[in-house]
């Protein structure tokens, strides 16, 4: 299993996902600002992984604080939290993880600063460990939906690389394969940053799970030919009504799946559900640099100069297009999500 994030000897080690698939390179972060920049630059990406990285960034920054009192320490730590929270706006796990770190701070307000620093490291490592356990539970529940010999279509990367390990959407595939089922995957390339082509294909190849890469505009044709039996994707934020925000192109895939009678599932942990959002319409959609579209991976320009470019990183898939949402607590219809997860 790939470990994209770890706390190692007092610093944060990240697998540099911008270097994949050409090289396996690690980024050793000894400053929380480096962690923040890694999140901005997609060196670490995927909603759960972003949350874990942010938590570790908070713990890392805390170690350098020189404050002697709780109030001074809390003030300085909140500035670190704000810096990390400003990195990316859509994935709710980022904000969830930072709030978890703040809760630990306030729970131990009577402890010494030395003890507080240790508690923050412990919590960040706990969030990482818990994420892996949650992913495995998602995998167990989701594996029951996949039958022997099926081909699963996925979009972007929702595997070990996007989490603390094991994965959400790819965790479902991984669990089914571990049960002995013969499952294959079709991965969309996921323009413009090509997370499917670069990351999902590489990750599945490491586990020797059969995978075929297609361009994003081929999915409908393959569904019409009966070559895709089920779709499983991840999520960056889920509203309480079951609307899902995920990598741009997810909505189009869901529309195609509905048109061809292909079940469309979303796999995500509870931390991706935003109870404050009654629908997906209010979820902020990150607009990224136009150079991601104008150039292939920042290198070869593929469009004329001065081309007007729109580059939203995510889109919203309405709940009515989603067959079910696979969580660590089971599989829910979108309309049952709030009662099944948020009210537990």
Protein backbone atom coordinates (compact mmCIF):
# COMPACT_ATOMS: atom_id res chain seq x y z
CA UNK A 1 0.00 0.00 0.00
CA UNK A 2 1.31 3.46 -0.95
CA UNK A 3 1.92 5.89 1.94
CA UNK A 4 1.75 9.41 0.51
CA UNK A 5 2.05 11.19 3.87
CA UNK A 6 3.92 10.48 7.08
CA UNK A 7 5.29 12.17 10.17
CA UNK A 8 8.96 11.25 10.20
CA UNK A 9 11.59 12.28 12.77
CA UNK A 10 10.03 15.66 13.46
CA UNK A 11 9.07 16.64 9.91
CA UNK A 12 6.37 15.87 7.34
CA UNK A 13 7.30 13.65 4.39
CA UNK A 14 5.08 13.89 1.30
CA UNK A 15 5.16 11.81 -1.85
CA UNK A 16 5.50 14.43 -4.59
CA UNK A 17 2.57 13.67 -6.86
CA UNK A 18 3.68 16.19 -9.44
CA UNK A 19 6.70 13.97 -10.14
CA UNK A 20 4.60 10.86 -10.81
CA UNK A 21 4.61 8.66 -12.80
CA UNK A 22 8.13 9.41 -14.00
CA UNK A 23 9.81 9.32 -10.60
CA UNK A 24 8.99 8.49 -7.00
CA UNK A 25 10.20 11.58 -5.18
CA UNK A 26 9.60 12.63 -1.59
CA UNK A 27 9.31 16.17 -0.30
CA UNK A 28 10.60 16.61 3.26
CA UNK A 29 8.76 19.54 4.86
CA UNK A 30 10.37 21.15 7.89
CA UNK A 31 8.25 24.31 7.75
CA UNK A 32 4.45 24.48 7.71
CA UNK A 33 4.66 27.00 4.86
CA UNK A 34 6.26 24.31 2.70
CA UNK A 35 3.32 22.01 3.50
CA UNK A 36 0.91 24.80 2.55
CA UNK A 37 2.69 25.38 -0.75
CA UNK A 38 2.68 21.65 -1.47
CA UNK A 39 -1.11 21.66 -1.07
CA UNK A 40 -1.45 24.68 -3.40
CA UNK A 41 0.84 23.14 -6.00
CA UNK A 42 -0.94 19.74 -6.00
CA UNK A 43 2.16 17.97 -4.73
CA UNK A 44 -0.29 16.53 -2.24
CA UNK A 45 -3.90 16.32 -3.45
CA UNK A 46 -7.13 14.49 -2.85
CA UNK A 47 -9.54 15.68 -0.16
CA UNK A 48 -8.56 13.26 2.65
CA UNK A 49 -4.83 13.67 1.92
CA UNK A 50 -5.15 17.45 1.96
CA UNK A 51 -6.79 17.24 5.38
CA UNK A 52 -4.06 14.99 6.77
CA UNK A 53 -1.33 17.21 5.33
CA UNK A 54 -2.97 20.28 6.88
CA UNK A 55 -3.17 18.60 10.29
CA UNK A 56 0.48 17.66 10.09
CA UNK A 57 1.30 21.18 8.93
CA UNK A 58 -0.37 22.57 12.06
CA UNK A 59 1.61 20.16 14.26
CA UNK A 60 4.81 21.02 12.42
CA UNK A 61 4.29 24.75 12.79
CA UNK A 62 3.48 24.36 16.48
CA UNK A 63 6.92 22.91 17.17
CA UNK A 64 8.61 26.19 16.20
CA UNK A 65 6.45 28.48 18.34
CA UNK A 66 8.24 30.19 21.21
CA UNK A 67 5.15 31.29 23.15
CA UNK A 68 5.19 30.36 26.84
CA UNK A 69 1.51 30.84 27.77
CA UNK A 70 -1.59 29.15 26.41
CA UNK A 71 -3.11 32.39 25.12
CA UNK A 72 0.03 33.40 23.23
CA UNK A 73 0.52 29.87 21.90
CA UNK A 74 -3.13 29.65 20.81
CA UNK A 75 -2.93 32.99 19.00
CA UNK A 76 0.19 31.97 17.08
CA UNK A 77 -1.21 28.53 16.27
CA UNK A 78 -4.41 30.03 14.88
CA UNK A 79 -2.31 32.09 12.48
CA UNK A 80 -0.71 28.87 11.25
CA UNK A 81 -4.16 27.32 10.87
CA UNK A 82 -5.38 30.31 8.87
CA UNK A 83 -2.38 30.09 6.55
CA UNK A 84 -3.08 26.41 5.84
CA UNK A 85 -6.83 26.96 5.50
CA UNK A 86 -6.21 29.53 2.74
CA UNK A 87 -4.50 27.02 0.43
CA UNK A 88 -7.52 25.51 -1.36
CA UNK A 89 -11.23 26.34 -0.96
CA UNK A 90 -13.23 23.28 -2.05
CA UNK A 91 -12.12 20.14 -0.17
CA UNK A 92 -13.90 20.31 3.19
CA UNK A 93 -11.50 17.77 4.75
CA UNK A 94 -8.93 20.58 4.90
CA UNK A 95 -11.12 22.66 7.21
CA UNK A 96 -12.36 19.60 9.13
CA UNK A 97 -8.80 18.53 9.97
CA UNK A 98 -7.78 22.03 11.06
CA UNK A 99 -10.81 22.19 13.36
CA UNK A 100 -9.81 18.82 14.84
CA UNK A 101 -6.41 20.30 15.68
CA UNK A 102 -8.02 23.35 17.28
CA UNK A 103 -10.24 21.09 19.39
CA UNK A 104 -7.17 19.31 20.74
CA UNK A 105 -5.62 22.66 21.56
CA UNK A 106 -8.66 23.81 23.53
CA UNK A 107 -9.18 20.43 25.21
CA UNK A 108 -5.66 20.63 26.65
CA UNK A 109 -5.63 24.33 27.49
CA UNK A 110 -4.39 23.56 31.02
CA UNK A 111 -1.38 21.63 29.72
CA UNK A 112 2.09 23.09 29.31
CA UNK A 113 3.20 24.36 25.90
CA UNK A 114 5.57 21.39 25.64
CA UNK A 115 2.67 19.01 26.24
CA UNK A 116 0.47 20.90 23.78
CA UNK A 117 3.06 20.48 21.05
CA UNK A 118 3.21 16.75 21.72
CA UNK A 119 -0.58 16.43 21.74
CA UNK A 120 -0.81 18.12 18.34
CA UNK A 121 1.64 15.65 16.83
CA UNK A 122 -0.33 12.78 18.35
CA UNK A 123 -3.58 14.11 16.90
CA UNK A 124 -2.15 14.58 13.40
CA UNK A 125 -0.84 11.01 13.43
CA UNK A 126 -4.19 9.79 14.74
CA UNK A 127 -6.00 11.51 11.85
CA UNK A 128 -3.70 9.71 9.41
CA UNK A 129 -4.23 6.31 11.06
CA UNK A 130 -7.97 6.82 11.31
CA UNK A 131 -8.20 7.77 7.64
CA UNK A 132 -6.61 4.48 6.58
CA UNK A 133 -9.00 2.53 8.81
CA UNK A 134 -11.98 4.47 7.45
CA UNK A 135 -10.88 3.83 3.87
CA UNK A 136 -10.67 0.10 4.52
CA UNK A 137 -14.21 0.17 5.94
CA UNK A 138 -15.41 2.05 2.85
CA UNK A 139 -13.71 -0.60 0.74
CA UNK A 140 -15.41 -3.46 2.58
CA UNK A 141 -18.86 -1.92 2.15
CA UNK A 142 -18.29 -0.97 -1.47
CA UNK A 143 -16.81 -4.31 -2.51
CA UNK A 144 -20.23 -5.90 -2.06
CA UNK A 145 -21.48 -3.77 -4.97
CA UNK A 146 -18.94 -5.19 -7.43
CA UNK A 147 -19.49 -8.54 -9.09
CA UNK A 148 -16.97 -10.97 -10.53
CA UNK A 149 -15.71 -9.89 -13.92
CA UNK A 150 -17.04 -6.34 -13.84
CA UNK A 151 -15.27 -3.30 -15.24
CA UNK A 152 -15.35 -0.18 -13.08
CA UNK A 153 -15.06 3.33 -14.49
CA UNK A 154 -13.43 5.93 -12.22
CA UNK A 155 -12.46 9.57 -12.60
CA UNK A 156 -9.47 11.52 -11.27
CA UNK A 157 -7.61 9.72 -8.47
CA UNK A 158 -9.34 8.58 -5.30
CA UNK A 159 -6.86 5.96 -4.19
CA UNK A 160 -3.99 5.66 -1.75
CA UNK A 161 -2.41 8.77 -3.24
CA UNK A 162 -5.48 10.88 -2.46
CA UNK A 163 -5.81 9.66 1.13
CA UNK A 164 -3.68 8.48 4.01
CA UNK A 165 -3.54 5.12 2.29
CA UNK A 166 -5.78 2.44 0.68
CA UNK A 167 -8.17 4.90 -0.97
CA UNK A 168 -11.89 5.62 -1.25
CA UNK A 169 -13.10 4.85 -4.80
CA UNK A 170 -10.01 2.77 -5.54
CA UNK A 171 -10.30 1.33 -2.04
CA UNK A 172 -13.58 -0.22 -3.18
CA UNK A 173 -11.81 -1.78 -6.16
CA UNK A 174 -8.85 -2.84 -4.02
CA UNK A 175 -11.12 -4.53 -1.46
CA UNK A 176 -13.05 -6.40 -4.16
CA UNK A 177 -9.77 -7.69 -5.63
CA UNK A 178 -8.60 -8.74 -2.16
CA UNK A 179 -11.79 -10.80 -1.90
CA UNK A 180 -10.68 -12.66 -5.02
CA UNK A 181 -12.99 -10.97 -7.51
CA UNK A 182 -11.66 -10.44 -11.01
CA UNK A 183 -12.20 -6.67 -11.39
CA UNK A 184 -10.76 -4.35 -14.03
CA UNK A 185 -10.75 -0.56 -14.16
CA UNK A 186 -11.19 2.05 -16.86
CA UNK A 187 -9.61 5.36 -15.86
CA UNK A 188 -10.43 8.66 -17.51
CA UNK A 189 -7.34 10.80 -18.12
CA UNK A 190 -8.86 13.71 -16.11
CA UNK A 191 -7.87 16.82 -18.00
CA UNK A 192 -6.28 19.25 -17.51
CA UNK A 193 -3.87 17.98 -14.82
CA UNK A 194 -4.22 14.32 -15.85
CA UNK A 195 -4.59 12.78 -12.40
CA UNK A 196 -6.22 9.72 -13.96
CA UNK A 197 -3.50 9.19 -16.54
CA UNK A 198 -0.58 9.98 -14.24
CA UNK A 199 -1.74 8.78 -10.83
CA UNK A 200 -4.64 6.32 -11.02
CA UNK A 201 -3.01 4.22 -13.73
CA UNK A 202 0.34 4.23 -11.89
CA UNK A 203 -1.26 3.30 -8.57
CA UNK A 204 -3.30 0.43 -9.99
CA UNK A 205 -0.28 -0.88 -11.86
CA UNK A 206 1.64 -1.01 -8.57
CA UNK A 207 -1.09 -3.33 -7.22
CA UNK A 208 -1.30 -5.30 -10.48
CA UNK A 209 -4.98 -4.42 -10.89
CA UNK A 210 -5.92 -4.40 -14.61
CA UNK A 211 -6.46 -0.82 -15.81
CA UNK A 212 -7.16 0.75 -19.18
CA UNK A 213 -6.69 4.48 -19.79
CA UNK A 214 -9.13 6.40 -21.98
CA UNK A 215 -9.54 10.06 -22.82
CA UNK A 216 -12.32 11.77 -20.92
CA UNK A 217 -14.58 11.99 -23.99
CA UNK A 218 -14.59 8.21 -24.63
CA UNK A 219 -16.70 7.17 -21.63
CA UNK A 220 -20.11 7.45 -23.33
CA UNK A 221 -19.05 5.33 -26.28
CA UNK A 222 -17.77 2.57 -24.00
CA UNK A 223 -20.96 2.63 -21.93
CA UNK A 224 -23.03 2.27 -25.09
CA UNK A 225 -20.95 -0.76 -26.01
CA UNK A 226 -21.62 -2.31 -22.60
CA UNK A 227 -17.96 -2.22 -21.60
CA UNK A 228 -18.54 -0.35 -18.32
CA UNK A 229 -20.78 -1.97 -15.68
CA UNK A 230 -20.41 0.50 -12.78
CA UNK A 231 -18.87 3.88 -11.96
CA UNK A 232 -17.18 4.65 -8.63
CA UNK A 233 -15.67 8.07 -7.92
CA UNK A 234 -14.47 9.99 -4.88
CA UNK A 235 -15.59 13.37 -3.54
CA UNK A 236 -14.12 16.64 -2.31
CA UNK A 237 -17.24 17.82 -0.53
CA UNK A 238 -20.74 16.40 -0.09
CA UNK A 239 -23.72 18.54 0.90
CA UNK A 240 -26.24 17.25 3.42
CA UNK A 241 -28.78 16.58 0.65
CA UNK A 242 -26.34 14.26 -1.15
CA UNK A 243 -25.10 16.64 -3.85
CA UNK A 244 -21.44 15.88 -4.56
CA UNK A 245 -18.60 18.17 -5.60
CA UNK A 246 -15.71 16.29 -7.17
CA UNK A 247 -13.09 16.76 -9.88
CA UNK A 248 -14.34 18.53 -12.99
CA UNK A 249 -15.83 15.97 -15.37
CA UNK A 250 -17.60 13.98 -12.66
CA UNK A 251 -20.97 15.53 -13.49
CA UNK A 252 -20.61 14.64 -17.18
CA UNK A 253 -19.75 11.06 -16.26
CA UNK A 254 -22.80 10.84 -13.99
CA UNK A 255 -25.07 12.11 -16.78
CA UNK A 256 -23.65 9.51 -19.17
CA UNK A 257 -24.06 6.77 -16.58
CA UNK A 258 -27.72 7.68 -16.04
CA UNK A 259 -28.35 7.74 -19.80
CA UNK A 260 -26.91 4.23 -20.18
CA UNK A 261 -28.32 2.66 -17.01
CA UNK A 262 -24.91 2.32 -15.36
CA UNK A 263 -24.92 2.57 -11.52
CA UNK A 264 -22.99 5.62 -10.30
CA UNK A 265 -21.49 5.46 -6.79
CA UNK A 266 -19.53 7.97 -4.73
CA UNK A 267 -17.07 6.71 -2.10
CA UNK A 268 -16.11 9.13 0.66
CA UNK A 269 -15.57 9.34 4.44
CA UNK A 270 -17.80 11.19 6.86
CA UNK A 271 -15.23 14.00 7.04
CA UNK A 272 -16.09 14.88 3.42
CA UNK A 273 -19.73 15.59 4.32
CA UNK A 274 -20.39 19.26 5.01
CA UNK A 275 -23.45 19.54 7.26
CA UNK A 276 -23.45 23.33 6.85
CA UNK A 277 -24.28 23.00 3.14
CA UNK A 278 -27.92 22.15 2.47
CA UNK A 279 -27.14 21.66 -1.23
CA UNK A 280 -24.15 21.60 -3.51
CA UNK A 281 -24.98 24.97 -5.04
CA UNK A 282 -23.29 26.84 -2.19
CA UNK A 283 -20.01 24.89 -2.25
CA UNK A 284 -17.12 27.07 -3.48
CA UNK A 285 -15.54 25.86 -6.70
CA UNK A 286 -11.83 26.53 -7.03
CA UNK A 287 -10.75 28.32 -10.21
CA UNK A 288 -7.19 27.32 -11.04
CA UNK A 289 -4.51 28.86 -13.20
CA UNK A 290 -5.36 29.03 -16.90
CA UNK A 291 -1.91 27.69 -17.73
CA UNK A 292 -3.10 24.22 -16.69
CA UNK A 293 -5.42 24.24 -19.72
CA UNK A 294 -3.26 26.23 -22.12
CA UNK A 295 -0.28 23.94 -21.62
CA UNK A 296 0.18 20.20 -21.21
CA UNK A 297 1.53 19.79 -17.67
CA UNK A 298 3.05 23.26 -17.84
CA UNK A 299 5.24 22.42 -20.82
CA UNK A 300 3.83 22.37 -24.38
CA UNK A 301 1.33 25.11 -25.22
CA UNK A 302 -1.67 23.73 -27.12
CA UNK A 303 -3.74 26.87 -27.70
CA UNK A 304 -3.14 30.28 -29.31
CA UNK A 305 -1.84 33.12 -27.14
CA UNK A 306 -4.52 35.32 -25.56
CA UNK A 307 -7.11 32.52 -25.61
CA UNK A 308 -9.86 33.06 -23.04
CA UNK A 309 -9.79 30.07 -20.69
CA UNK A 310 -12.12 28.91 -17.90
CA UNK A 311 -10.54 26.37 -15.53
CA UNK A 312 -12.78 25.28 -12.64
CA UNK A 313 -11.14 22.43 -10.75
CA UNK A 314 -14.43 20.84 -9.66
CA UNK A 315 -18.08 20.45 -10.61
CA UNK A 316 -21.26 19.56 -8.75
CA UNK A 317 -23.18 16.34 -9.38
CA UNK A 318 -26.82 16.54 -8.18
CA UNK A 319 -27.97 13.86 -5.77
CA UNK A 320 -30.57 12.52 -8.19
CA UNK A 321 -27.81 11.27 -10.50
CA UNK A 322 -26.10 9.28 -7.73
CA UNK A 323 -27.07 5.67 -7.07
CA UNK A 324 -25.46 5.53 -3.63
CA UNK A 325 -22.81 7.05 -1.39
CA UNK A 326 -20.38 4.55 0.11
CA UNK A 327 -19.12 5.55 3.56
CA UNK A 328 -17.35 3.90 6.45
CA UNK A 329 -20.76 3.38 8.05
CA UNK A 330 -22.40 1.75 5.07
CA UNK A 331 -24.01 2.62 1.76
CA UNK A 332 -26.66 5.34 1.69
CA UNK A 333 -29.02 6.70 -0.88
CA UNK A 334 -28.21 10.42 -1.23
CA UNK A 335 -31.56 11.41 0.31
CA UNK A 336 -30.81 9.25 3.36
CA UNK A 337 -27.28 10.53 3.91
CA UNK A 338 -28.07 13.21 6.50
CA UNK A 339 -30.13 10.87 8.65
CA UNK A 340 -27.71 7.97 8.28
CA UNK A 341 -24.43 9.82 8.81
CA UNK A 342 -24.84 13.30 10.20
CA UNK A 343 -27.36 12.44 12.89
CA UNK A 344 -25.40 9.43 14.27
